[in-house]
Amino acid sequence: MEKAHNNYTVYKHTTPSGKVYIGITSKKPEKRWLNGRGYRRNNHFWNATKKYGWENIRHEILATGLTR
């Protein structure tokens, strides 16, 4: 039986236009985000980071210590 790891974080990014991105990671969120560079493979959110600037997007941690 596989051991449950309680090390996932759910986070939320909100753009100035009000659009929301919800994500989950087992990494430290800042390492996952890479100041926006962590989203290069997600065209929609990557374009939003270029349009608004990473510093203008609100970043929130919704929950920590979760199992996947």
PDB file of N, CA and C in Angstrom:
ATOM      1  N   MET A   1       0.845  -1.184   0.000  1.00  0.00           N
ATOM      2  CA  MET A   1       0.000   0.000   0.000  1.00  0.00           C
ATOM      3  C   MET A   1       0.886   1.242   0.000  1.00  0.00           C
ATOM      4  N   GLU A   2       0.561   2.167  -0.875  1.00  0.00           N
ATOM      5  CA  GLU A   2       1.363   3.382  -1.007  1.00  0.00           C
ATOM      6  C   GLU A   2       1.075   4.353   0.132  1.00  0.00           C
ATOM      7  N   LYS A   3       2.116   4.947   0.658  1.00  0.00           N
ATOM      8  CA  LYS A   3       1.985   5.907   1.744  1.00  0.00           C
ATOM      9  C   LYS A   3       1.476   7.240   1.197  1.00  0.00           C
ATOM     10  N   ALA A   4       0.502   7.837   1.851  1.00  0.00           N
ATOM     11  CA  ALA A   4      -0.028   9.140   1.441  1.00  0.00           C
ATOM     12  C   ALA A   4       0.938  10.242   1.856  1.00  0.00           C
ATOM     13  N   HIS A   5       1.248  11.096   0.929  1.00  0.00           N
ATOM     14  CA  HIS A   5       2.138  12.224   1.219  1.00  0.00           C
ATOM     15  C   HIS A   5       1.304  13.491   1.364  1.00  0.00           C
ATOM     16  N   ASN A   6       1.443  14.145   2.494  1.00  0.00           N
ATOM     17  CA  ASN A   6       0.688  15.364   2.769  1.00  0.00           C
ATOM     18  C   ASN A   6       1.540  16.592   2.450  1.00  0.00           C
ATOM     19  N   ASN A   7       1.943  16.712   1.198  1.00  0.00           N
ATOM     20  CA  ASN A   7       2.815  17.820   0.875  1.00  0.00           C
ATOM     21  C   ASN A   7       2.374  18.588  -0.366  1.00  0.00           C
ATOM     22  N   TYR A   8       1.096  18.574  -0.664  1.00  0.00           N
ATOM     23  CA  TYR A   8       0.585  19.310  -1.814  1.00  0.00           C
ATOM     24  C   TYR A   8       0.007  20.648  -1.382  1.00  0.00           C
ATOM     25  N   THR A   9       0.141  21.626  -2.267  1.00  0.00           N
ATOM     26  CA  THR A   9      -0.383  22.968  -2.034  1.00  0.00           C
ATOM     27  C   THR A   9      -1.315  23.335  -3.178  1.00  0.00           C
ATOM     28  N   VAL A  10      -2.480  23.876  -2.852  1.00  0.00           N
ATOM     29  CA  VAL A  10      -3.408  24.398  -3.850  1.00  0.00           C
ATOM     30  C   VAL A  10      -3.294  25.913  -3.802  1.00  0.00           C
ATOM     31  N   TYR A  11      -3.179  26.514  -4.978  1.00  0.00           N
ATOM     32  CA  TYR A  11      -2.979  27.959  -5.051  1.00  0.00           C
ATOM     33  C   TYR A  11      -3.878  28.577  -6.118  1.00  0.00           C
ATOM     34  N   LYS A  12      -3.961  29.891  -6.073  1.00  0.00           N
ATOM     35  CA  LYS A  12      -4.836  30.625  -6.983  1.00  0.00           C
ATOM     36  C   LYS A  12      -4.107  31.873  -7.462  1.00  0.00           C
ATOM     37  N   HIS A  13      -4.168  32.110  -8.767  1.00  0.00           N
ATOM     38  CA  HIS A  13      -3.661  33.351  -9.352  1.00  0.00           C
ATOM     39  C   HIS A  13      -4.867  34.087  -9.922  1.00  0.00           C
ATOM     40  N   THR A  14      -4.971  35.380  -9.657  1.00  0.00           N
ATOM     41  CA  THR A  14      -6.071  36.183 -10.187  1.00  0.00           C
ATOM     42  C   THR A  14      -5.487  37.351 -10.973  1.00  0.00           C
ATOM     43  N   THR A  15      -5.880  37.464 -12.242  1.00  0.00           N
ATOM     44  CA  THR A  15      -5.385  38.552 -13.088  1.00  0.00           C
ATOM     45  C   THR A  15      -6.178  39.826 -12.799  1.00  0.00           C
ATOM     46  N   PRO A  16      -5.659  40.976 -13.216  1.00  0.00           N
ATOM     47  CA  PRO A  16      -6.407  42.225 -13.019  1.00  0.00           C
ATOM     48  C   PRO A  16      -7.785  42.225 -13.688  1.00  0.00           C
ATOM     49  N   SER A  17      -7.972  41.395 -14.723  1.00  0.00           N
ATOM     50  CA  SER A  17      -9.284  41.317 -15.378  1.00  0.00           C
ATOM     51  C   SER A  17     -10.257  40.428 -14.616  1.00  0.00           C
ATOM     52  N   GLY A  18      -9.757  39.742 -13.550  1.00  0.00           N
ATOM     53  CA  GLY A  18     -10.622  38.893 -12.739  1.00  0.00           C
ATOM     54  C   GLY A  18     -10.582  37.421 -13.122  1.00  0.00           C
ATOM     55  N   LYS A  19      -9.837  37.070 -14.160  1.00  0.00           N
ATOM     56  CA  LYS A  19      -9.725  35.651 -14.526  1.00  0.00           C
ATOM     57  C   LYS A  19      -8.853  34.944 -13.503  1.00  0.00           C
ATOM     58  N   VAL A  20      -9.174  33.668 -13.250  1.00  0.00           N
ATOM     59  CA  VAL A  20      -8.539  32.912 -12.175  1.00  0.00           C
ATOM     60  C   VAL A  20      -7.884  31.653 -12.724  1.00  0.00           C
ATOM     61  N   TYR A  21      -6.729  31.334 -12.181  1.00  0.00           N
ATOM     62  CA  TYR A  21      -6.026  30.081 -12.454  1.00  0.00           C
ATOM     63  C   TYR A  21      -5.866  29.376 -11.118  1.00  0.00           C
ATOM     64  N   ILE A  22      -6.331  28.134 -11.018  1.00  0.00           N
ATOM     65  CA  ILE A  22      -6.178  27.319  -9.813  1.00  0.00           C
ATOM     66  C   ILE A  22      -5.181  26.219 -10.142  1.00  0.00           C
ATOM     67  N   GLY A  23      -4.215  26.016  -9.248  1.00  0.00           N
ATOM     68  CA  GLY A  23      -3.216  24.985  -9.487  1.00  0.00           C
ATOM     69  C   GLY A  23      -2.914  24.189  -8.232  1.00  0.00           C
ATOM     70  N   ILE A  24      -2.254  23.060  -8.430  1.00  0.00           N
ATOM     71  CA  ILE A  24      -1.810  22.225  -7.322  1.00  0.00           C
ATOM     72  C   ILE A  24      -0.365  21.827  -7.600  1.00  0.00           C
ATOM     73  N   THR A  25       0.451  21.793  -6.567  1.00  0.00           N
ATOM     74  CA  THR A  25       1.849  21.426  -6.735  1.00  0.00           C
ATOM     75  C   THR A  25       2.367  20.706  -5.508  1.00  0.00           C
ATOM     76  N   SER A  26       3.356  19.857  -5.734  1.00  0.00           N
ATOM     77  CA  SER A  26       4.037  19.223  -4.616  1.00  0.00           C
ATOM     78  C   SER A  26       5.342  19.964  -4.310  1.00  0.00           C
ATOM     79  N   LYS A  27       5.669  20.940  -5.158  1.00  0.00           N
ATOM     80  CA  LYS A  27       6.859  21.763  -4.953  1.00  0.00           C
ATOM     81  C   LYS A  27       6.521  22.948  -4.058  1.00  0.00           C
ATOM     82  N   LYS A  28       7.533  23.647  -3.616  1.00  0.00           N
ATOM     83  CA  LYS A  28       7.310  24.925  -2.956  1.00  0.00           C
ATOM     84  C   LYS A  28       6.691  25.844  -4.020  1.00  0.00           C
ATOM     85  N   PRO A  29       5.549  26.495  -3.738  1.00  0.00           N
ATOM     86  CA  PRO A  29       4.860  27.269  -4.775  1.00  0.00           C
ATOM     87  C   PRO A  29       5.755  28.241  -5.540  1.00  0.00           C
ATOM     88  N   GLU A  30       6.639  28.945  -4.854  1.00  0.00           N
ATOM     89  CA  GLU A  30       7.490  29.921  -5.529  1.00  0.00           C
ATOM     90  C   GLU A  30       8.387  29.245  -6.574  1.00  0.00           C
ATOM     91  N   LYS A  31       8.801  28.006  -6.292  1.00  0.00           N
ATOM     92  CA  LYS A  31       9.612  27.269  -7.264  1.00  0.00           C
ATOM     93  C   LYS A  31       8.756  26.823  -8.444  1.00  0.00           C
ATOM     94  N   ARG A  32       7.517  26.465  -8.202  1.00  0.00           N
ATOM     95  CA  ARG A  32       6.603  26.093  -9.286  1.00  0.00           C
ATOM     96  C   ARG A  32       6.312  27.302 -10.172  1.00  0.00           C
ATOM     97  N   TRP A  33       6.097  28.432  -9.548  1.00  0.00           N
ATOM     98  CA  TRP A  33       5.693  29.626 -10.294  1.00  0.00           C
ATOM     99  C   TRP A  33       6.843  30.237 -11.090  1.00  0.00           C
ATOM    100  N   LEU A  34       8.047  30.247 -10.530  1.00  0.00           N
ATOM    101  CA  LEU A  34       9.224  30.839 -11.179  1.00  0.00           C
ATOM    102  C   LEU A  34       8.944  32.252 -11.702  1.00  0.00           C
ATOM    103  N   ASN A  35       8.266  33.048 -10.876  1.00  0.00           N
ATOM    104  CA  ASN A  35       7.906  34.421 -11.268  1.00  0.00           C
ATOM    105  C   ASN A  35       7.186  34.457 -12.615  1.00  0.00           C
ATOM    106  N   GLY A  36       6.337  33.464 -12.855  1.00  0.00           N
ATOM    107  CA  GLY A  36       5.552  33.388 -14.076  1.00  0.00           C
ATOM    108  C   GLY A  36       6.157  32.500 -15.138  1.00  0.00           C
ATOM    109  N   ARG A  37       7.462  32.288 -15.110  1.00  0.00           N
ATOM    110  CA  ARG A  37       8.124  31.483 -16.144  1.00  0.00           C
ATOM    111  C   ARG A  37       7.714  30.014 -16.080  1.00  0.00           C
ATOM    112  N   GLY A  38       7.159  29.577 -14.962  1.00  0.00           N
ATOM    113  CA  GLY A  38       6.715  28.196 -14.824  1.00  0.00           C
ATOM    114  C   GLY A  38       5.465  27.882 -15.631  1.00  0.00           C
ATOM    115  N   TYR A  39       4.918  28.876 -16.317  1.00  0.00           N
ATOM    116  CA  TYR A  39       3.675  28.697 -17.070  1.00  0.00           C
ATOM    117  C   TYR A  39       3.865  28.811 -18.575  1.00  0.00           C
ATOM    118  N   ARG A  40       5.085  28.709 -19.050  1.00  0.00           N
ATOM    119  CA  ARG A  40       5.352  28.850 -20.489  1.00  0.00           C
ATOM    120  C   ARG A  40       4.593  27.832 -21.332  1.00  0.00           C
ATOM    121  N   ARG A  41       4.308  26.660 -20.769  1.00  0.00           N
ATOM    122  CA  ARG A  41       3.593  25.623 -21.530  1.00  0.00           C
ATOM    123  C   ARG A  41       2.072  25.787 -21.486  1.00  0.00           C
ATOM    124  N   ASN A  42       1.599  26.721 -20.679  1.00  0.00           N
ATOM    125  CA  ASN A  42       0.160  26.998 -20.593  1.00  0.00           C
ATOM    126  C   ASN A  42      -0.085  28.311 -21.335  1.00  0.00           C
ATOM    127  N   ASN A  43      -0.443  28.212 -22.611  1.00  0.00           N
ATOM    128  CA  ASN A  43      -0.537  29.412 -23.453  1.00  0.00           C
ATOM    129  C   ASN A  43      -1.421  30.505 -22.874  1.00  0.00           C
ATOM    130  N   HIS A  44      -2.602  30.152 -22.369  1.00  0.00           N
ATOM    131  CA  HIS A  44      -3.525  31.166 -21.858  1.00  0.00           C
ATOM    132  C   HIS A  44      -2.930  31.924 -20.677  1.00  0.00           C
ATOM    133  N   PHE A  45      -2.425  31.188 -19.705  1.00  0.00           N
ATOM    134  CA  PHE A  45      -1.908  31.877 -18.517  1.00  0.00           C
ATOM    135  C   PHE A  45      -0.572  32.553 -18.811  1.00  0.00           C
ATOM    136  N   TRP A  46       0.251  31.960 -19.643  1.00  0.00           N
ATOM    137  CA  TRP A  46       1.519  32.583 -20.031  1.00  0.00           C
ATOM    138  C   TRP A  46       1.251  33.930 -20.713  1.00  0.00           C
ATOM    139  N   ASN A  47       0.257  33.961 -21.605  1.00  0.00           N
ATOM    140  CA  ASN A  47      -0.089  35.222 -22.261  1.00  0.00           C
ATOM    141  C   ASN A  47      -0.590  36.251 -21.257  1.00  0.00           C
ATOM    142  N   ALA A  48      -1.318  35.803 -20.249  1.00  0.00           N
ATOM    143  CA  ALA A  48      -1.797  36.728 -19.209  1.00  0.00           C
ATOM    144  C   ALA A  48      -0.625  37.293 -18.409  1.00  0.00           C
ATOM    145  N   THR A  49       0.382  36.465 -18.130  1.00  0.00           N
ATOM    146  CA  THR A  49       1.536  36.973 -17.371  1.00  0.00           C
ATOM    147  C   THR A  49       2.305  37.992 -18.193  1.00  0.00           C
ATOM    148  N   LYS A  50       2.367  37.790 -19.498  1.00  0.00           N
ATOM    149  CA  LYS A  50       3.044  38.766 -20.361  1.00  0.00           C
ATOM    150  C   LYS A  50       2.222  40.046 -20.472  1.00  0.00           C
ATOM    151  N   LYS A  51       0.911  39.905 -20.556  1.00  0.00           N
ATOM    152  CA  LYS A  51       0.035  41.068 -20.725  1.00  0.00           C
ATOM    153  C   LYS A  51       0.009  41.939 -19.470  1.00  0.00           C
ATOM    154  N   TYR A  52      -0.182  41.323 -18.298  1.00  0.00           N
ATOM    155  CA  TYR A  52      -0.372  42.086 -17.065  1.00  0.00           C
ATOM    156  C   TYR A  52       0.901  42.264 -16.242  1.00  0.00           C
ATOM    157  N   GLY A  53       1.880  41.377 -16.456  1.00  0.00           N
ATOM    158  CA  GLY A  53       3.077  41.391 -15.617  1.00  0.00           C
ATOM    159  C   GLY A  53       2.840  40.542 -14.379  1.00  0.00           C
ATOM    160  N   TRP A  54       3.785  39.693 -14.057  1.00  0.00           N
ATOM    161  CA  TRP A  54       3.657  38.781 -12.923  1.00  0.00           C
ATOM    162  C   TRP A  54       3.346  39.525 -11.634  1.00  0.00           C
ATOM    163  N   GLU A  55       3.966  40.667 -11.451  1.00  0.00           N
ATOM    164  CA  GLU A  55       3.785  41.441 -10.212  1.00  0.00           C
ATOM    165  C   GLU A  55       2.382  42.025 -10.085  1.00  0.00           C
ATOM    166  N   ASN A  56       1.616  42.051 -11.163  1.00  0.00           N
ATOM    167  CA  ASN A  56       0.250  42.589 -11.126  1.00  0.00           C
ATOM    168  C   ASN A  56      -0.816  41.512 -11.012  1.00  0.00           C
ATOM    169  N   ILE A  57      -0.395  40.270 -10.916  1.00  0.00           N
ATOM    170  CA  ILE A  57      -1.318  39.155 -10.721  1.00  0.00           C
ATOM    171  C   ILE A  57      -1.294  38.791  -9.243  1.00  0.00           C
ATOM    172  N   ARG A  58      -2.483  38.631  -8.654  1.00  0.00           N
ATOM    173  CA  ARG A  58      -2.577  38.281  -7.223  1.00  0.00           C
ATOM    174  C   ARG A  58      -2.361  36.778  -7.055  1.00  0.00           C
ATOM    175  N   HIS A  59      -1.507  36.417  -6.106  1.00  0.00           N
ATOM    176  CA  HIS A  59      -1.148  35.017  -5.848  1.00  0.00           C
ATOM    177  C   HIS A  59      -1.577  34.659  -4.425  1.00  0.00           C
ATOM    178  N   GLU A  60      -2.370  33.596  -4.307  1.00  0.00           N
ATOM    179  CA  GLU A  60      -2.873  33.182  -2.995  1.00  0.00           C
ATOM    180  C   GLU A  60      -2.650  31.688  -2.795  1.00  0.00           C
ATOM    181  N   ILE A  61      -2.253  31.326  -1.594  1.00  0.00           N
ATOM    182  CA  ILE A  61      -2.178  29.925  -1.196  1.00  0.00           C
ATOM    183  C   ILE A  61      -3.535  29.587  -0.576  1.00  0.00           C
ATOM    184  N   LEU A  62      -4.239  28.611  -1.134  1.00  0.00           N
ATOM    185  CA  LEU A  62      -5.570  28.261  -0.646  1.00  0.00           C
ATOM    186  C   LEU A  62      -5.515  27.161   0.416  1.00  0.00           C
ATOM    187  N   ALA A  63      -4.593  26.202   0.251  1.00  0.00           N
ATOM    188  CA  ALA A  63      -4.491  25.104   1.219  1.00  0.00           C
ATOM    189  C   ALA A  63      -3.113  24.466   1.100  1.00  0.00           C
ATOM    190  N   THR A  64      -2.611  23.971   2.225  1.00  0.00           N
ATOM    191  CA  THR A  64      -1.318  23.285   2.240  1.00  0.00           C
ATOM    192  C   THR A  64      -1.450  21.982   3.021  1.00  0.00           C
ATOM    193  N   GLY A  65      -0.445  21.134   2.906  1.00  0.00           N
ATOM    194  CA  GLY A  65      -0.436  19.878   3.631  1.00  0.00           C
ATOM    195  C   GLY A  65      -1.474  18.881   3.156  1.00  0.00           C
ATOM    196  N   LEU A  66      -1.793  18.926   1.882  1.00  0.00           N
ATOM    197  CA  LEU A  66      -2.836  18.065   1.332  1.00  0.00           C
ATOM    198  C   LEU A  66      -2.257  16.821   0.666  1.00  0.00           C
ATOM    199  N   THR A  67      -3.069  15.783   0.567  1.00  0.00           N
ATOM    200  CA  THR A  67      -2.722  14.640  -0.272  1.00  0.00           C
ATOM    201  C   THR A  67      -3.287  14.935  -1.659  1.00  0.00           C
ATOM    202  N   ARG A  68      -2.687  14.351  -2.640  1.00  0.00           N
ATOM    203  CA  ARG A  68      -3.165  14.606  -3.990  1.00  0.00           C
ATOM    204  C   ARG A  68      -4.554  14.014  -4.178  1.00  0.00           C
TER     205      ARG A  68
END
